[in-house]
C-alpha cells in the first residue's frame, strides 16, 4: 500500500513538473492563468484538437502527452471512450476530449 501511494505521488509530481509542450495553448505552470484552469494531456500519442466537440470534426492541431493547456470551459459533445465531456481551449476555437485531459482545477460550463 505504501509503495502504491509513493508511486502515485511520484507520478503526480512528474506530471506537475514534467516537460511542457510548445503548442500555442500551453500553460506556463500548474496555477490558474487569468482564472482559467489548467489541464494536462493524459494520452500515449498526440491528441487531436478538434474544430467542434466531436471526433467527426476536423482536426485543427495537436497536443502532446504531458503537455499543459489552459481550458476555457467544458461542454457535452460526442462520446469518447465513455466520456461525453469536451474542453474548449483558451485562446483558440479548438476542443479536446476530457477523456484525454486531466483538469487540475474545476472547469466551468460553456
PDB file of N, CA and C in Angstrom:
ATOM      1  N   UNK A   1       0.822  -1.193   0.000  1.00  0.00           N
ATOM      2  CA  UNK A   1       0.000   0.000   0.000  1.00  0.00           C
ATOM      3  C   UNK A   1       0.866   1.256   0.000  1.00  0.00           C
ATOM      4  N   UNK A   2       1.951   1.257   0.794  1.00  0.00           N
ATOM      5  CA  UNK A   2       2.833   2.416   0.861  1.00  0.00           C
ATOM      6  C   UNK A   2       3.521   2.620  -0.482  1.00  0.00           C
ATOM      7  N   UNK A   3       3.945   1.518  -1.128  1.00  0.00           N
ATOM      8  CA  UNK A   3       4.592   1.630  -2.434  1.00  0.00           C
ATOM      9  C   UNK A   3       3.640   2.233  -3.455  1.00  0.00           C
ATOM     10  N   UNK A   4       2.370   1.829  -3.398  1.00  0.00           N
ATOM     11  CA  UNK A   4       1.383   2.359  -4.338  1.00  0.00           C
ATOM     12  C   UNK A   4       1.195   3.859  -4.115  1.00  0.00           C
ATOM     13  N   UNK A   5       1.137   4.276  -2.852  1.00  0.00           N
ATOM     14  CA  UNK A   5       0.977   5.700  -2.543  1.00  0.00           C
ATOM     15  C   UNK A   5       2.193   6.489  -3.015  1.00  0.00           C
ATOM     16  N   UNK A   6       3.393   5.957  -2.776  1.00  0.00           N
ATOM     17  CA  UNK A   6       4.607   6.638  -3.227  1.00  0.00           C
ATOM     18  C   UNK A   6       4.646   6.745  -4.743  1.00  0.00           C
ATOM     19  N   UNK A   7       4.242   5.675  -5.432  1.00  0.00           N
ATOM     20  CA  UNK A   7       4.210   5.703  -6.893  1.00  0.00           C
ATOM     21  C   UNK A   7       3.215   6.750  -7.378  1.00  0.00           C
ATOM     22  N   UNK A   8       2.063   6.817  -6.731  1.00  0.00           N
ATOM     23  CA  UNK A   8       1.054   7.815  -7.108  1.00  0.00           C
ATOM     24  C   UNK A   8       1.603   9.225  -6.934  1.00  0.00           C
ATOM     25  N   UNK A   9       2.267   9.501  -5.801  1.00  0.00           N
ATOM     26  CA  UNK A   9       2.842  10.828  -5.573  1.00  0.00           C
ATOM     27  C   UNK A   9       3.952  11.128  -6.569  1.00  0.00           C
ATOM     28  N   UNK A  10       4.774  10.131  -6.875  1.00  0.00           N
ATOM     29  CA  UNK A  10       5.861  10.329  -7.840  1.00  0.00           C
ATOM     30  C   UNK A  10       5.308  10.639  -9.224  1.00  0.00           C
ATOM     31  N   UNK A  11       4.268   9.909  -9.634  1.00  0.00           N
ATOM     32  CA  UNK A  11       3.660  10.171 -10.943  1.00  0.00           C
ATOM     33  C   UNK A  11       3.015  11.551 -10.976  1.00  0.00           C
ATOM     34  N   UNK A  12       2.341  11.922  -9.893  1.00  0.00           N
ATOM     35  CA  UNK A  12       1.714  13.248  -9.844  1.00  0.00           C
ATOM     36  C   UNK A  12       2.775  14.339  -9.914  1.00  0.00           C
ATOM     37  N   UNK A  13       3.868  14.160  -9.209  1.00  0.00           N
ATOM     38  CA  UNK A  13       4.950  15.145  -9.262  1.00  0.00           C
ATOM     39  C   UNK A  13       5.537  15.219 -10.660  1.00  0.00           C
ATOM     40  N   UNK A  14       5.671  14.086 -11.322  1.00  0.00           N
ATOM     41  CA  UNK A  14       6.190  14.074 -12.689  1.00  0.00           C
ATOM     42  C   UNK A  14       5.277  14.816 -13.634  1.00  0.00           C
ATOM     43  N   UNK A  15       3.968  14.692 -13.444  1.00  0.00           N
ATOM     44  CA  UNK A  15       3.009  15.404 -14.295  1.00  0.00           C
ATOM     45  C   UNK A  15       3.091  16.903 -14.029  1.00  0.00           C
ATOM     46  N   UNK A  16       3.206  17.295 -12.749  1.00  0.00           N
ATOM     47  CA  UNK A  16       3.240  18.716 -12.418  1.00  0.00           C
ATOM     48  C   UNK A  16       4.559  19.381 -12.800  1.00  0.00           C
ATOM     49  N   UNK A  17       5.643  18.629 -12.760  1.00  0.00           N
ATOM     50  CA  UNK A  17       6.954  19.198 -13.039  1.00  0.00           C
ATOM     51  C   UNK A  17       7.451  18.826 -14.422  1.00  0.00           C
ATOM     52  N   UNK A  18       6.796  17.864 -15.061  1.00  0.00           N
ATOM     53  CA  UNK A  18       7.257  17.308 -16.331  1.00  0.00           C
ATOM     54  C   UNK A  18       7.409  18.318 -17.445  1.00  0.00           C
ATOM     55  N   UNK A  19       7.849  17.855 -18.606  1.00  0.00           N
ATOM     56  CA  UNK A  19       8.121  18.749 -19.723  1.00  0.00           C
ATOM     57  C   UNK A  19       6.850  19.400 -20.243  1.00  0.00           C
ATOM     58  N   UNK A  20       7.019  20.605 -20.755  1.00  0.00           N
ATOM     59  CA  UNK A  20       5.894  21.319 -21.352  1.00  0.00           C
ATOM     60  C   UNK A  20       6.027  21.285 -22.855  1.00  0.00           C
ATOM     61  N   UNK A  21       4.902  21.225 -23.531  1.00  0.00           N
ATOM     62  CA  UNK A  21       4.911  21.260 -24.989  1.00  0.00           C
ATOM     63  C   UNK A  21       5.084  22.679 -25.490  1.00  0.00           C
ATOM     64  N   UNK A  22       5.102  22.831 -26.809  1.00  0.00           N
ATOM     65  CA  UNK A  22       5.341  24.142 -27.386  1.00  0.00           C
ATOM     66  C   UNK A  22       4.149  24.679 -28.148  1.00  0.00           C
ATOM     67  N   UNK A  23       3.013  24.013 -28.084  1.00  0.00           N
ATOM     68  CA  UNK A  23       1.840  24.483 -28.823  1.00  0.00           C
ATOM     69  C   UNK A  23       1.350  25.808 -28.250  1.00  0.00           C
ATOM     70  N   UNK A  24       0.585  26.536 -29.015  1.00  0.00           N
ATOM     71  CA  UNK A  24       0.088  27.838 -28.601  1.00  0.00           C
ATOM     72  C   UNK A  24      -0.846  27.789 -27.410  1.00  0.00           C
ATOM     73  N   UNK A  25      -1.325  26.633 -27.042  1.00  0.00           N
ATOM     74  CA  UNK A  25      -2.264  26.503 -25.937  1.00  0.00           C
ATOM     75  C   UNK A  25      -1.573  26.106 -24.646  1.00  0.00           C
ATOM     76  N   UNK A  26      -0.268  26.021 -24.638  1.00  0.00           N
ATOM     77  CA  UNK A  26       0.452  25.548 -23.457  1.00  0.00           C
ATOM     78  C   UNK A  26       0.349  26.555 -22.317  1.00  0.00           C
ATOM     79  N   UNK A  27       0.210  26.035 -21.108  1.00  0.00           N
ATOM     80  CA  UNK A  27       0.143  26.871 -19.917  1.00  0.00           C
ATOM     81  C   UNK A  27       1.538  27.052 -19.345  1.00  0.00           C
ATOM     82  N   UNK A  28       1.744  28.140 -18.602  1.00  0.00           N
ATOM     83  CA  UNK A  28       3.050  28.432 -18.038  1.00  0.00           C
ATOM     84  C   UNK A  28       3.343  27.660 -16.763  1.00  0.00           C
ATOM     85  N   UNK A  29       2.349  27.158 -16.075  1.00  0.00           N
ATOM     86  CA  UNK A  29       2.605  26.454 -14.833  1.00  0.00           C
ATOM     87  C   UNK A  29       1.346  25.807 -14.308  1.00  0.00           C
ATOM     88  N   UNK A  30       1.429  25.180 -13.127  1.00  0.00           N
ATOM     89  CA  UNK A  30       0.288  24.451 -12.603  1.00  0.00           C
ATOM     90  C   UNK A  30      -0.816  25.357 -12.060  1.00  0.00           C
ATOM     91  N   UNK A  31      -0.540  26.640 -11.858  1.00  0.00           N
ATOM     92  CA  UNK A  31      -1.549  27.548 -11.326  1.00  0.00           C
ATOM     93  C   UNK A  31      -2.480  28.025 -12.433  1.00  0.00           C
ATOM     94  N   UNK A  32      -3.614  28.574 -12.022  1.00  0.00           N
ATOM     95  CA  UNK A  32      -4.538  29.166 -12.992  1.00  0.00           C
ATOM     96  C   UNK A  32      -3.882  30.406 -13.596  1.00  0.00           C
ATOM     97  N   UNK A  33      -4.098  30.611 -14.877  1.00  0.00           N
ATOM     98  CA  UNK A  33      -3.626  31.817 -15.545  1.00  0.00           C
ATOM     99  C   UNK A  33      -4.854  32.624 -15.942  1.00  0.00           C
ATOM    100  N   UNK A  34      -4.973  33.841 -15.411  1.00  0.00           N
ATOM    101  CA  UNK A  34      -6.130  34.688 -15.704  1.00  0.00           C
ATOM    102  C   UNK A  34      -7.442  33.963 -15.396  1.00  0.00           C
ATOM    103  N   UNK A  35      -7.481  33.227 -14.309  1.00  0.00           N
ATOM    104  CA  UNK A  35      -8.672  32.489 -13.873  1.00  0.00           C
ATOM    105  C   UNK A  35      -9.109  31.392 -14.832  1.00  0.00           C
ATOM    106  N   UNK A  36      -8.217  30.892 -15.635  1.00  0.00           N
ATOM    107  CA  UNK A  36      -8.521  29.753 -16.500  1.00  0.00           C
ATOM    108  C   UNK A  36      -7.848  28.518 -15.913  1.00  0.00           C
ATOM    109  N   UNK A  37      -8.595  27.432 -15.759  1.00  0.00           N
ATOM    110  CA  UNK A  37      -7.998  26.219 -15.212  1.00  0.00           C
ATOM    111  C   UNK A  37      -6.974  25.611 -16.163  1.00  0.00           C
ATOM    112  N   UNK A  38      -6.053  24.874 -15.576  1.00  0.00           N
ATOM    113  CA  UNK A  38      -5.001  24.198 -16.329  1.00  0.00           C
ATOM    114  C   UNK A  38      -5.351  22.720 -16.446  1.00  0.00           C
ATOM    115  N   UNK A  39      -5.054  22.133 -17.590  1.00  0.00           N
ATOM    116  CA  UNK A  39      -5.213  20.704 -17.803  1.00  0.00           C
ATOM    117  C   UNK A  39      -3.901  20.112 -18.282  1.00  0.00           C
ATOM    118  N   UNK A  40      -3.752  18.811 -18.100  1.00  0.00           N
ATOM    119  CA  UNK A  40      -2.561  18.093 -18.556  1.00  0.00           C
ATOM    120  C   UNK A  40      -3.017  16.975 -19.481  1.00  0.00           C
ATOM    121  N   UNK A  41      -2.423  16.916 -20.670  1.00  0.00           N
ATOM    122  CA  UNK A  41      -2.783  15.884 -21.643  1.00  0.00           C
ATOM    123  C   UNK A  41      -2.372  14.530 -21.090  1.00  0.00           C
ATOM    124  N   UNK A  42      -3.327  13.606 -21.044  1.00  0.00           N
ATOM    125  CA  UNK A  42      -3.127  12.272 -20.484  1.00  0.00           C
ATOM    126  C   UNK A  42      -3.388  11.235 -21.573  1.00  0.00           C
ATOM    127  N   UNK A  43      -2.513  11.215 -22.570  1.00  0.00           N
ATOM    128  CA  UNK A  43      -2.646  10.254 -23.666  1.00  0.00           C
ATOM    129  C   UNK A  43      -1.268   9.696 -23.996  1.00  0.00           C
ATOM    130  N   UNK A  44      -1.251   8.574 -24.673  1.00  0.00           N
ATOM    131  CA  UNK A  44       0.022   7.955 -25.060  1.00  0.00           C
ATOM    132  C   UNK A  44       0.544   8.502 -26.378  1.00  0.00           C
ATOM    133  N   UNK A  45      -0.345   9.040 -27.175  1.00  0.00           N
ATOM    134  CA  UNK A  45       0.007   9.558 -28.501  1.00  0.00           C
ATOM    135  C   UNK A  45      -0.479  11.002 -28.587  1.00  0.00           C
ATOM    136  N   UNK A  46      -0.066  11.739 -29.609  1.00  0.00           N
ATOM    137  CA  UNK A  46      -0.577  13.106 -29.766  1.00  0.00           C
ATOM    138  C   UNK A  46      -2.104  13.128 -29.796  1.00  0.00           C
ATOM    139  N   UNK A  47      -2.670  14.149 -29.183  1.00  0.00           N
ATOM    140  CA  UNK A  47      -4.120  14.310 -29.070  1.00  0.00           C
ATOM    141  C   UNK A  47      -4.584  15.355 -30.074  1.00  0.00           C
ATOM    142  N   UNK A  48      -5.571  15.000 -30.891  1.00  0.00           N
ATOM    143  CA  UNK A  48      -6.101  15.948 -31.870  1.00  0.00           C
ATOM    144  C   UNK A  48      -6.919  17.032 -31.184  1.00  0.00           C
ATOM    145  N   UNK A  49      -6.697  18.262 -31.608  1.00  0.00           N
ATOM    146  CA  UNK A  49      -7.543  19.390 -31.228  1.00  0.00           C
ATOM    147  C   UNK A  49      -8.573  19.503 -32.338  1.00  0.00           C
ATOM    148  N   UNK A  50      -9.850  19.501 -31.972  1.00  0.00           N
ATOM    149  CA  UNK A  50     -10.934  19.469 -32.962  1.00  0.00           C
ATOM    150  C   UNK A  50     -11.607  20.834 -33.107  1.00  0.00           C
ATOM    151  N   UNK A  51     -12.179  21.050 -34.279  1.00  0.00           N
ATOM    152  CA  UNK A  51     -12.903  22.290 -34.564  1.00  0.00           C
ATOM    153  C   UNK A  51     -14.182  22.396 -33.731  1.00  0.00           C
ATOM    154  N   UNK A  52     -14.846  21.262 -33.496  1.00  0.00           N
ATOM    155  CA  UNK A  52     -16.065  21.181 -32.693  1.00  0.00           C
ATOM    156  C   UNK A  52     -15.926  20.005 -31.717  1.00  0.00           C
ATOM    157  N   UNK A  53     -16.758  19.916 -30.681  1.00  0.00           N
ATOM    158  CA  UNK A  53     -16.625  18.857 -29.676  1.00  0.00           C
ATOM    159  C   UNK A  53     -17.158  17.494 -30.132  1.00  0.00           C
ATOM    160  N   UNK A  54     -16.546  16.953 -31.164  1.00  0.00           N
ATOM    161  CA  UNK A  54     -16.881  15.620 -31.663  1.00  0.00           C
ATOM    162  C   UNK A  54     -15.689  15.071 -32.437  1.00  0.00           C
ATOM    163  N   UNK A  55     -15.524  13.760 -32.412  1.00  0.00           N
ATOM    164  CA  UNK A  55     -14.411  13.153 -33.155  1.00  0.00           C
ATOM    165  C   UNK A  55     -14.635  13.224 -34.655  1.00  0.00           C
ATOM    166  N   UNK A  56     -15.848  13.563 -35.073  1.00  0.00           N
ATOM    167  CA  UNK A  56     -16.150  13.668 -36.503  1.00  0.00           C
ATOM    168  C   UNK A  56     -15.803  15.043 -37.068  1.00  0.00           C
ATOM    169  N   UNK A  57     -15.378  15.948 -36.225  1.00  0.00           N
ATOM    170  CA  UNK A  57     -14.993  17.288 -36.641  1.00  0.00           C
ATOM    171  C   UNK A  57     -13.541  17.280 -37.131  1.00  0.00           C
ATOM    172  N   UNK A  58     -13.202  18.251 -37.966  1.00  0.00           N
ATOM    173  CA  UNK A  58     -11.832  18.355 -38.480  1.00  0.00           C
ATOM    174  C   UNK A  58     -10.843  18.622 -37.353  1.00  0.00           C
ATOM    175  N   UNK A  59      -9.657  18.023 -37.461  1.00  0.00           N
ATOM    176  CA  UNK A  59      -8.565  18.304 -36.529  1.00  0.00           C
ATOM    177  C   UNK A  59      -7.910  19.620 -36.948  1.00  0.00           C
ATOM    178  N   UNK A  60      -7.697  20.518 -35.983  1.00  0.00           N
ATOM    179  CA  UNK A  60      -7.088  21.814 -36.276  1.00  0.00           C
ATOM    180  C   UNK A  60      -5.724  21.970 -35.609  1.00  0.00           C
ATOM    181  N   UNK A  61      -5.283  20.941 -34.904  1.00  0.00           N
ATOM    182  CA  UNK A  61      -3.990  20.981 -34.238  1.00  0.00           C
ATOM    183  C   UNK A  61      -3.768  19.718 -33.435  1.00  0.00           C
ATOM    184  N   UNK A  62      -2.652  19.685 -32.715  1.00  0.00           N
ATOM    185  CA  UNK A  62      -2.306  18.535 -31.879  1.00  0.00           C
ATOM    186  C   UNK A  62      -1.724  19.012 -30.556  1.00  0.00           C
ATOM    187  N   UNK A  63      -1.947  18.218 -29.524  1.00  0.00           N
ATOM    188  CA  UNK A  63      -1.307  18.400 -28.232  1.00  0.00           C
ATOM    189  C   UNK A  63      -0.554  17.113 -27.934  1.00  0.00           C
ATOM    190  N   UNK A  64       0.470  17.207 -27.113  1.00  0.00           N
ATOM    191  CA  UNK A  64       1.328  16.053 -26.871  1.00  0.00           C
ATOM    192  C   UNK A  64       1.228  15.578 -25.424  1.00  0.00           C
ATOM    193  N   UNK A  65       1.518  14.288 -25.182  1.00  0.00           N
ATOM    194  CA  UNK A  65       1.421  13.745 -23.828  1.00  0.00           C
ATOM    195  C   UNK A  65       2.160  14.611 -22.804  1.00  0.00           C
ATOM    196  N   UNK A  66       1.540  14.830 -21.670  1.00  0.00           N
ATOM    197  CA  UNK A  66       2.051  15.601 -20.532  1.00  0.00           C
ATOM    198  C   UNK A  66       2.094  17.106 -20.791  1.00  0.00           C
ATOM    199  N   UNK A  67       1.582  17.553 -21.926  1.00  0.00           N
ATOM    200  CA  UNK A  67       1.555  18.987 -22.220  1.00  0.00           C
ATOM    201  C   UNK A  67       0.489  19.665 -21.364  1.00  0.00           C
ATOM    202  N   UNK A  68       0.807  20.842 -20.846  1.00  0.00           N
ATOM    203  CA  UNK A  68      -0.138  21.631 -20.057  1.00  0.00           C
ATOM    204  C   UNK A  68      -0.892  22.568 -20.990  1.00  0.00           C
ATOM    205  N   UNK A  69      -2.198  22.689 -20.749  1.00  0.00           N
ATOM    206  CA  UNK A  69      -3.035  23.554 -21.577  1.00  0.00           C
ATOM    207  C   UNK A  69      -3.961  24.376 -20.689  1.00  0.00           C
ATOM    208  N   UNK A  70      -4.361  25.539 -21.184  1.00  0.00           N
ATOM    209  CA  UNK A  70      -5.343  26.363 -20.492  1.00  0.00           C
ATOM    210  C   UNK A  70      -6.718  26.023 -21.035  1.00  0.00           C
ATOM    211  N   UNK A  71      -7.655  25.779 -20.128  1.00  0.00           N
ATOM    212  CA  UNK A  71      -9.011  25.383 -20.505  1.00  0.00           C
ATOM    213  C   UNK A  71      -9.958  26.558 -20.300  1.00  0.00           C
ATOM    214  N   UNK A  72     -10.801  26.800 -21.278  1.00  0.00           N
ATOM    215  CA  UNK A  72     -11.743  27.910 -21.208  1.00  0.00           C
ATOM    216  C   UNK A  72     -13.046  27.485 -20.535  1.00  0.00           C
ATOM    217  N   UNK A  73     -13.628  26.375 -21.016  1.00  0.00           N
ATOM    218  CA  UNK A  73     -14.896  25.892 -20.474  1.00  0.00           C
ATOM    219  C   UNK A  73     -15.114  24.445 -20.919  1.00  0.00           C
ATOM    220  N   UNK A  74     -16.180  23.824 -20.410  1.00  0.00           N
ATOM    221  CA  UNK A  74     -16.497  22.444 -20.787  1.00  0.00           C
ATOM    222  C   UNK A  74     -17.921  22.350 -21.316  1.00  0.00           C
ATOM    223  N   UNK A  75     -18.139  21.355 -22.168  1.00  0.00           N
ATOM    224  CA  UNK A  75     -19.457  21.146 -22.782  1.00  0.00           C
ATOM    225  C   UNK A  75     -19.595  19.670 -23.133  1.00  0.00           C
ATOM    226  N   UNK A  76     -20.823  19.191 -23.113  1.00  0.00           N
ATOM    227  CA  UNK A  76     -21.073  17.820 -23.570  1.00  0.00           C
ATOM    228  C   UNK A  76     -20.977  17.791 -25.084  1.00  0.00           C
ATOM    229  N   UNK A  77     -20.408  16.718 -25.589  1.00  0.00           N
ATOM    230  CA  UNK A  77     -20.281  16.545 -27.035  1.00  0.00           C
ATOM    231  C   UNK A  77     -20.324  15.066 -27.359  1.00  0.00           C
ATOM    232  N   UNK A  78     -19.624  14.680 -28.410  1.00  0.00           N
ATOM    233  CA  UNK A  78     -19.565  13.274 -28.779  1.00  0.00           C
ATOM    234  C   UNK A  78     -18.820  12.456 -27.734  1.00  0.00           C
ATOM    235  N   UNK A  79     -19.319  11.251 -27.492  1.00  0.00           N
ATOM    236  CA  UNK A  79     -18.707  10.368 -26.501  1.00  0.00           C
ATOM    237  C   UNK A  79     -17.351   9.874 -26.990  1.00  0.00           C
ATOM    238  N   UNK A  80     -16.371   9.878 -26.082  1.00  0.00           N
ATOM    239  CA  UNK A  80     -15.043   9.334 -26.362  1.00  0.00           C
ATOM    240  C   UNK A  80     -14.703   8.373 -25.234  1.00  0.00           C
ATOM    241  N   UNK A  81     -14.673   7.096 -25.547  1.00  0.00           N
ATOM    242  CA  UNK A  81     -14.309   6.075 -24.565  1.00  0.00           C
ATOM    243  C   UNK A  81     -15.098   6.234 -23.262  1.00  0.00           C
ATOM    244  N   UNK A  82     -16.419   6.432 -23.378  1.00  0.00           N
ATOM    245  CA  UNK A  82     -17.283   6.528 -22.212  1.00  0.00           C
ATOM    246  C   UNK A  82     -17.378   7.905 -21.581  1.00  0.00           C
ATOM    247  N   UNK A  83     -16.765   8.923 -22.164  1.00  0.00           N
ATOM    248  CA  UNK A  83     -16.778  10.265 -21.590  1.00  0.00           C
ATOM    249  C   UNK A  83     -17.336  11.262 -22.609  1.00  0.00           C
ATOM    250  N   UNK A  84     -18.466  11.936 -22.291  1.00  0.00           N
ATOM    251  CA  UNK A  84     -19.070  12.876 -23.243  1.00  0.00           C
ATOM    252  C   UNK A  84     -18.581  14.321 -23.097  1.00  0.00           C
ATOM    253  N   UNK A  85     -17.676  14.590 -22.159  1.00  0.00           N
ATOM    254  CA  UNK A  85     -17.249  15.962 -21.875  1.00  0.00           C
ATOM    255  C   UNK A  85     -16.090  16.372 -22.786  1.00  0.00           C
ATOM    256  N   UNK A  86     -16.168  17.607 -23.266  1.00  0.00           N
ATOM    257  CA  UNK A  86     -15.102  18.201 -24.085  1.00  0.00           C
ATOM    258  C   UNK A  86     -14.709  19.534 -23.468  1.00  0.00           C
ATOM    259  N   UNK A  87     -13.413  19.890 -23.583  1.00  0.00           N
ATOM    260  CA  UNK A  87     -12.914  21.170 -23.095  1.00  0.00           C
ATOM    261  C   UNK A  87     -12.582  22.075 -24.271  1.00  0.00           C
ATOM    262  N   UNK A  88     -13.020  23.323 -24.164  1.00  0.00           N
ATOM    263  CA  UNK A  88     -12.618  24.336 -25.148  1.00  0.00           C
ATOM    264  C   UNK A  88     -11.293  24.914 -24.667  1.00  0.00           C
ATOM    265  N   UNK A  89     -10.338  25.028 -25.565  1.00  0.00           N
ATOM    266  CA  UNK A  89      -9.029  25.547 -25.207  1.00  0.00           C
ATOM    267  C   UNK A  89      -9.054  27.071 -25.201  1.00  0.00           C
ATOM    268  N   UNK A  90      -8.406  27.649 -24.223  1.00  0.00           N
ATOM    269  CA  UNK A  90      -8.342  29.103 -24.127  1.00  0.00           C
ATOM    270  C   UNK A  90      -7.516  29.657 -25.282  1.00  0.00           C
ATOM    271  N   UNK A  91      -7.992  30.731 -25.870  1.00  0.00           N
ATOM    272  CA  UNK A  91      -7.237  31.394 -26.924  1.00  0.00           C
ATOM    273  C   UNK A  91      -7.352  30.739 -28.283  1.00  0.00           C
ATOM    274  N   UNK A  92      -8.285  29.815 -28.444  1.00  0.00           N
ATOM    275  CA  UNK A  92      -8.454  29.166 -29.744  1.00  0.00           C
ATOM    276  C   UNK A  92      -9.905  28.739 -29.884  1.00  0.00           C
ATOM    277  N   UNK A  93     -10.239  28.278 -31.047  1.00  0.00           N
ATOM    278  CA  UNK A  93     -11.565  27.722 -31.273  1.00  0.00           C
ATOM    279  C   UNK A  93     -11.530  26.203 -31.132  1.00  0.00           C
ATOM    280  N   UNK A  94     -10.428  25.654 -30.641  1.00  0.00           N
ATOM    281  CA  UNK A  94     -10.257  24.215 -30.577  1.00  0.00           C
ATOM    282  C   UNK A  94     -10.874  23.558 -29.355  1.00  0.00           C
ATOM    283  N   UNK A  95     -11.204  22.272 -29.525  1.00  0.00           N
ATOM    284  CA  UNK A  95     -11.792  21.439 -28.477  1.00  0.00           C
ATOM    285  C   UNK A  95     -10.974  20.165 -28.325  1.00  0.00           C
ATOM    286  N   UNK A  96     -10.876  19.671 -27.085  1.00  0.00           N
ATOM    287  CA  UNK A  96     -10.234  18.385 -26.819  1.00  0.00           C
ATOM    288  C   UNK A  96     -11.148  17.562 -25.921  1.00  0.00           C
ATOM    289  N   UNK A  97     -11.103  16.257 -26.107  1.00  0.00           N
ATOM    290  CA  UNK A  97     -11.912  15.367 -25.291  1.00  0.00           C
ATOM    291  C   UNK A  97     -11.372  15.331 -23.865  1.00  0.00           C
ATOM    292  N   UNK A  98     -12.280  15.446 -22.893  1.00  0.00           N
ATOM    293  CA  UNK A  98     -11.890  15.379 -21.488  1.00  0.00           C
ATOM    294  C   UNK A  98     -11.368  13.993 -21.122  1.00  0.00           C
ATOM    295  N   UNK A  99     -11.644  13.006 -21.953  1.00  0.00           N
ATOM    296  CA  UNK A  99     -11.137  11.651 -21.699  1.00  0.00           C
ATOM    297  C   UNK A  99      -9.613  11.641 -21.662  1.00  0.00           C
ATOM    298  N   UNK A 100      -8.987  12.544 -22.393  1.00  0.00           N
ATOM    299  CA  UNK A 100      -7.531  12.559 -22.509  1.00  0.00           C
ATOM    300  C   UNK A 100      -6.882  13.814 -21.936  1.00  0.00           C
ATOM    301  N   UNK A 101      -7.627  14.583 -21.145  1.00  0.00           N
ATOM    302  CA  UNK A 101      -7.061  15.764 -20.483  1.00  0.00           C
ATOM    303  C   UNK A 101      -7.485  15.737 -19.020  1.00  0.00           C
ATOM    304  N   UNK A 102      -6.508  15.759 -18.130  1.00  0.00           N
ATOM    305  CA  UNK A 102      -6.782  15.780 -16.687  1.00  0.00           C
ATOM    306  C   UNK A 102      -6.820  17.242 -16.242  1.00  0.00           C
ATOM    307  N   UNK A 103      -7.996  17.705 -15.799  1.00  0.00           N
ATOM    308  CA  UNK A 103      -8.097  19.087 -15.334  1.00  0.00           C
ATOM    309  C   UNK A 103      -7.585  19.181 -13.902  1.00  0.00           C
ATOM    310  N   UNK A 104      -6.732  20.179 -13.645  1.00  0.00           N
ATOM    311  CA  UNK A 104      -6.153  20.363 -12.319  1.00  0.00           C
ATOM    312  C   UNK A 104      -7.033  21.234 -11.426  1.00  0.00           C
ATOM    313  N   UNK A 105      -7.989  21.944 -12.023  1.00  0.00           N
ATOM    314  CA  UNK A 105      -8.976  22.736 -11.296  1.00  0.00           C
ATOM    315  C   UNK A 105     -10.331  22.497 -11.954  1.00  0.00           C
ATOM    316  N   UNK A 106     -11.421  22.852 -11.267  1.00  0.00           N
ATOM    317  CA  UNK A 106     -12.744  22.721 -11.889  1.00  0.00           C
ATOM    318  C   UNK A 106     -12.844  23.598 -13.142  1.00  0.00           C
ATOM    319  N   UNK A 107     -13.609  23.114 -14.123  1.00  0.00           N
ATOM    320  CA  UNK A 107     -13.791  23.832 -15.385  1.00  0.00           C
ATOM    321  C   UNK A 107     -15.264  24.220 -15.487  1.00  0.00           C
ATOM    322  N   UNK A 108     -15.525  25.490 -15.722  1.00  0.00           N
ATOM    323  CA  UNK A 108     -16.907  25.984 -15.783  1.00  0.00           C
ATOM    324  C   UNK A 108     -17.595  25.498 -17.057  1.00  0.00           C
ATOM    325  N   UNK A 109     -18.917  25.404 -17.050  1.00  0.00           N
ATOM    326  CA  UNK A 109     -19.643  25.059 -18.280  1.00  0.00           C
ATOM    327  C   UNK A 109     -19.571  26.212 -19.282  1.00  0.00           C
ATOM    328  N   UNK A 110     -19.654  25.888 -20.553  1.00  0.00           N
ATOM    329  CA  UNK A 110     -19.646  26.919 -21.610  1.00  0.00           C
ATOM    330  C   UNK A 110     -20.994  27.621 -21.657  1.00  0.00           C
TER     331      UNK A 110
END
